[in-house]
Amino acid sequence: MKGGKSKADARNTKLAVNKKPSKSRKSGKAAKDPNKPKRPASAFFVFMEEFREQYKKEHPKNKSVAAVSWLIVLFFFDNFASS
């Protein structure tokens, strides 16, 4: 072949990725306001707070977070989610 490119050469040039230097994304973001108010708690979180306090009074020796959270979910969905 007179100066023509082979198939292997053509395939390699197509797969080459031209990487450009990445710019810092942080320069365009605005700084977070530390005094910004938080969102109000959802009904489930309000319920969880009350249920945790009540459960701790009834079961002071139980320190398992997983057990308490599982009971909260079961109680909430049995009593409130179906309505």
N, C-alpha and C. Protein backbone atom coordinates (compact mmCIF):
# COMPACT_ATOMS: atom_id res chain seq x y z
N MET A 1 0.83 -1.18 0.00
CA MET A 1 0.00 0.00 0.00
C MET A 1 0.87 1.24 0.00
N LYS A 2 0.45 2.18 -0.78
CA LYS A 2 1.22 3.41 -0.87
C LYS A 2 0.70 4.44 0.12
N GLY A 3 1.29 4.50 1.27
CA GLY A 3 0.97 5.56 2.23
C GLY A 3 -0.43 5.51 2.81
N GLY A 4 -1.19 4.50 2.52
CA GLY A 4 -2.54 4.41 3.09
C GLY A 4 -2.49 3.87 4.51
N LYS A 5 -3.51 4.18 5.26
CA LYS A 5 -3.57 3.70 6.64
C LYS A 5 -4.18 2.31 6.66
N SER A 6 -3.68 1.50 7.55
CA SER A 6 -4.26 0.16 7.70
C SER A 6 -5.50 0.26 8.59
N LYS A 7 -6.28 -0.81 8.63
CA LYS A 7 -7.50 -0.81 9.45
C LYS A 7 -7.16 -0.67 10.93
N ALA A 8 -6.06 -1.27 11.36
CA ALA A 8 -5.66 -1.18 12.76
C ALA A 8 -5.33 0.25 13.14
N ASP A 9 -4.66 1.00 12.27
CA ASP A 9 -4.33 2.38 12.56
C ASP A 9 -5.60 3.24 12.64
N ALA A 10 -6.55 3.00 11.75
CA ALA A 10 -7.78 3.77 11.73
C ALA A 10 -8.59 3.50 13.00
N ARG A 11 -8.62 2.25 13.44
CA ARG A 11 -9.37 1.87 14.63
C ARG A 11 -8.76 2.54 15.88
N ASN A 12 -7.46 2.61 15.96
CA ASN A 12 -6.80 3.20 17.11
C ASN A 12 -7.06 4.70 17.21
N THR A 13 -7.14 5.39 16.10
CA THR A 13 -7.37 6.83 16.15
C THR A 13 -8.81 7.13 16.55
N LYS A 14 -9.75 6.26 16.23
CA LYS A 14 -11.14 6.49 16.61
C LYS A 14 -11.35 6.26 18.11
N LEU A 15 -10.59 5.35 18.68
CA LEU A 15 -10.75 5.04 20.09
C LEU A 15 -10.01 6.00 21.00
N ALA A 16 -9.14 6.79 20.44
CA ALA A 16 -8.38 7.72 21.26
C ALA A 16 -9.31 8.78 21.82
N VAL A 17 -9.13 9.09 23.08
CA VAL A 17 -9.98 10.07 23.74
C VAL A 17 -9.16 11.33 23.95
N ASN A 18 -9.71 12.42 23.50
CA ASN A 18 -9.03 13.70 23.70
C ASN A 18 -9.50 14.27 25.04
N LYS A 19 -8.64 14.19 26.01
CA LYS A 19 -9.00 14.69 27.33
C LYS A 19 -8.54 16.13 27.47
N LYS A 20 -9.48 16.94 27.92
CA LYS A 20 -9.17 18.32 28.19
C LYS A 20 -8.96 18.46 29.69
N PRO A 21 -8.14 19.37 30.09
CA PRO A 21 -7.95 19.55 31.53
C PRO A 21 -9.27 19.98 32.17
N SER A 22 -9.64 19.27 33.24
CA SER A 22 -10.92 19.57 33.88
C SER A 22 -10.80 20.83 34.72
N LYS A 23 -11.86 21.60 34.72
CA LYS A 23 -11.91 22.82 35.51
C LYS A 23 -12.54 22.50 36.86
N SER A 24 -12.20 23.22 37.83
CA SER A 24 -12.73 23.01 39.17
C SER A 24 -14.21 23.40 39.18
N ARG A 25 -15.06 22.50 39.64
CA ARG A 25 -16.49 22.78 39.70
C ARG A 25 -16.85 23.62 40.91
N LYS A 26 -16.00 23.64 41.88
CA LYS A 26 -16.31 24.36 43.10
C LYS A 26 -16.31 25.87 42.91
N SER A 27 -15.65 26.35 41.90
CA SER A 27 -15.56 27.79 41.71
C SER A 27 -16.91 28.41 41.36
N GLY A 28 -17.82 27.64 40.74
CA GLY A 28 -19.11 28.17 40.34
C GLY A 28 -20.18 28.05 41.40
N LYS A 29 -19.94 27.27 42.47
CA LYS A 29 -20.96 27.07 43.49
C LYS A 29 -20.94 28.22 44.50
N ALA A 30 -22.13 28.53 44.96
CA ALA A 30 -22.24 29.54 46.01
C ALA A 30 -21.99 28.87 47.36
N ALA A 31 -21.48 29.61 48.29
CA ALA A 31 -21.21 29.09 49.62
C ALA A 31 -22.52 28.83 50.34
N LYS A 32 -22.58 27.76 51.17
CA LYS A 32 -23.79 27.44 51.92
C LYS A 32 -23.96 28.43 53.07
N ASP A 33 -25.19 28.81 53.30
CA ASP A 33 -25.49 29.73 54.38
C ASP A 33 -25.70 28.94 55.67
N PRO A 34 -24.86 29.13 56.67
CA PRO A 34 -25.03 28.36 57.91
C PRO A 34 -26.26 28.77 58.71
N ASN A 35 -26.82 29.94 58.44
CA ASN A 35 -28.00 30.42 59.17
C ASN A 35 -29.31 30.06 58.49
N LYS A 36 -29.24 29.35 57.38
CA LYS A 36 -30.45 28.98 56.64
C LYS A 36 -31.29 28.02 57.49
N PRO A 37 -32.59 28.26 57.62
CA PRO A 37 -33.42 27.37 58.44
C PRO A 37 -33.58 26.00 57.78
N LYS A 38 -33.75 24.98 58.63
CA LYS A 38 -33.93 23.62 58.14
C LYS A 38 -35.39 23.41 57.77
N ARG A 39 -35.64 22.36 56.99
CA ARG A 39 -37.02 22.01 56.64
C ARG A 39 -37.74 21.51 57.90
N PRO A 40 -39.06 21.66 57.94
CA PRO A 40 -39.79 21.12 59.08
C PRO A 40 -39.79 19.58 59.03
N ALA A 41 -39.88 18.97 60.19
CA ALA A 41 -39.87 17.50 60.27
C ALA A 41 -41.15 16.94 59.66
N SER A 42 -41.02 15.80 59.00
CA SER A 42 -42.18 15.14 58.42
C SER A 42 -43.00 14.50 59.54
N ALA A 43 -44.22 14.08 59.21
CA ALA A 43 -45.10 13.47 60.20
C ALA A 43 -44.47 12.21 60.78
N PHE A 44 -43.77 11.45 59.95
CA PHE A 44 -43.14 10.22 60.42
C PHE A 44 -42.06 10.51 61.45
N PHE A 45 -41.26 11.56 61.24
CA PHE A 45 -40.20 11.89 62.19
C PHE A 45 -40.78 12.43 63.50
N VAL A 46 -41.85 13.17 63.43
CA VAL A 46 -42.51 13.64 64.65
C VAL A 46 -43.03 12.44 65.43
N PHE A 47 -43.66 11.49 64.72
CA PHE A 47 -44.15 10.27 65.35
C PHE A 47 -43.01 9.47 65.97
N MET A 48 -41.88 9.37 65.26
CA MET A 48 -40.74 8.59 65.76
C MET A 48 -40.21 9.15 67.08
N GLU A 49 -40.14 10.47 67.17
CA GLU A 49 -39.65 11.08 68.41
C GLU A 49 -40.53 10.70 69.59
N GLU A 50 -41.84 10.82 69.41
CA GLU A 50 -42.77 10.49 70.49
C GLU A 50 -42.71 9.01 70.83
N PHE A 51 -42.65 8.16 69.82
CA PHE A 51 -42.63 6.72 70.05
C PHE A 51 -41.35 6.30 70.76
N ARG A 52 -40.22 6.87 70.39
CA ARG A 52 -38.94 6.53 71.03
C ARG A 52 -38.97 6.86 72.52
N GLU A 53 -39.48 8.05 72.85
CA GLU A 53 -39.56 8.44 74.25
C GLU A 53 -40.43 7.48 75.04
N GLN A 54 -41.58 7.14 74.49
CA GLN A 54 -42.51 6.23 75.15
C GLN A 54 -41.87 4.84 75.29
N TYR A 55 -41.20 4.35 74.27
CA TYR A 55 -40.58 3.02 74.29
C TYR A 55 -39.44 2.97 75.31
N LYS A 56 -38.66 4.05 75.39
CA LYS A 56 -37.55 4.08 76.35
C LYS A 56 -38.05 4.04 77.79
N LYS A 57 -39.21 4.67 78.05
CA LYS A 57 -39.78 4.63 79.40
C LYS A 57 -40.25 3.22 79.75
N GLU A 58 -40.86 2.53 78.79
CA GLU A 58 -41.38 1.18 79.03
C GLU A 58 -40.29 0.12 79.05
N HIS A 59 -39.21 0.31 78.28
CA HIS A 59 -38.13 -0.67 78.17
C HIS A 59 -36.78 0.03 78.39
N PRO A 60 -36.45 0.37 79.64
CA PRO A 60 -35.21 1.13 79.87
C PRO A 60 -33.93 0.33 79.62
N LYS A 61 -34.00 -1.00 79.66
CA LYS A 61 -32.80 -1.81 79.48
C LYS A 61 -32.48 -2.07 78.01
N ASN A 62 -33.41 -1.86 77.12
CA ASN A 62 -33.20 -2.13 75.70
C ASN A 62 -32.41 -0.99 75.07
N LYS A 63 -31.21 -1.28 74.62
CA LYS A 63 -30.36 -0.27 74.00
C LYS A 63 -30.21 -0.48 72.50
N SER A 64 -30.93 -1.45 71.94
CA SER A 64 -30.79 -1.78 70.53
C SER A 64 -31.54 -0.77 69.66
N VAL A 65 -30.80 -0.04 68.86
CA VAL A 65 -31.40 0.95 67.97
C VAL A 65 -32.19 0.26 66.86
N ALA A 66 -31.68 -0.84 66.38
CA ALA A 66 -32.34 -1.57 65.29
C ALA A 66 -33.70 -2.09 65.73
N ALA A 67 -33.78 -2.60 66.95
CA ALA A 67 -35.06 -3.14 67.45
C ALA A 67 -36.09 -2.03 67.58
N VAL A 68 -35.68 -0.90 68.11
CA VAL A 68 -36.60 0.22 68.29
C VAL A 68 -37.07 0.75 66.93
N SER A 69 -36.16 0.92 66.00
CA SER A 69 -36.55 1.46 64.69
C SER A 69 -37.44 0.48 63.94
N TRP A 70 -37.21 -0.82 64.10
CA TRP A 70 -38.07 -1.81 63.43
C TRP A 70 -39.47 -1.77 64.02
N LEU A 71 -39.58 -1.63 65.33
CA LEU A 71 -40.89 -1.52 65.97
C LEU A 71 -41.62 -0.25 65.54
N ILE A 72 -40.88 0.83 65.40
CA ILE A 72 -41.48 2.09 64.96
C ILE A 72 -42.08 1.94 63.58
N VAL A 73 -41.33 1.35 62.68
CA VAL A 73 -41.81 1.17 61.30
C VAL A 73 -43.06 0.31 61.28
N LEU A 74 -43.02 -0.82 61.98
CA LEU A 74 -44.18 -1.72 62.01
C LEU A 74 -45.40 -1.03 62.61
N PHE A 75 -45.22 -0.34 63.72
CA PHE A 75 -46.33 0.34 64.38
C PHE A 75 -46.90 1.44 63.50
N PHE A 76 -46.03 2.22 62.88
CA PHE A 76 -46.49 3.34 62.05
C PHE A 76 -47.29 2.84 60.85
N PHE A 77 -46.77 1.85 60.15
CA PHE A 77 -47.46 1.39 58.96
C PHE A 77 -48.72 0.60 59.27
N ASP A 78 -48.77 -0.04 60.44
CA ASP A 78 -49.99 -0.74 60.82
C ASP A 78 -51.10 0.24 61.20
N ASN A 79 -50.74 1.35 61.81
CA ASN A 79 -51.75 2.26 62.35
C ASN A 79 -52.04 3.48 61.49
N PHE A 80 -51.08 3.98 60.74
CA PHE A 80 -51.27 5.25 60.05
C PHE A 80 -51.23 5.17 58.54
N ALA A 81 -50.43 4.32 57.99
CA ALA A 81 -50.23 4.30 56.54
C ALA A 81 -51.43 3.75 55.79
N SER A 82 -52.22 2.91 56.43
CA SER A 82 -53.37 2.31 55.73
C SER A 82 -54.56 3.26 55.65
N SER A 83 -54.56 4.34 56.41
CA SER A 83 -55.71 5.26 56.41
C SER A 83 -55.67 6.25 55.32
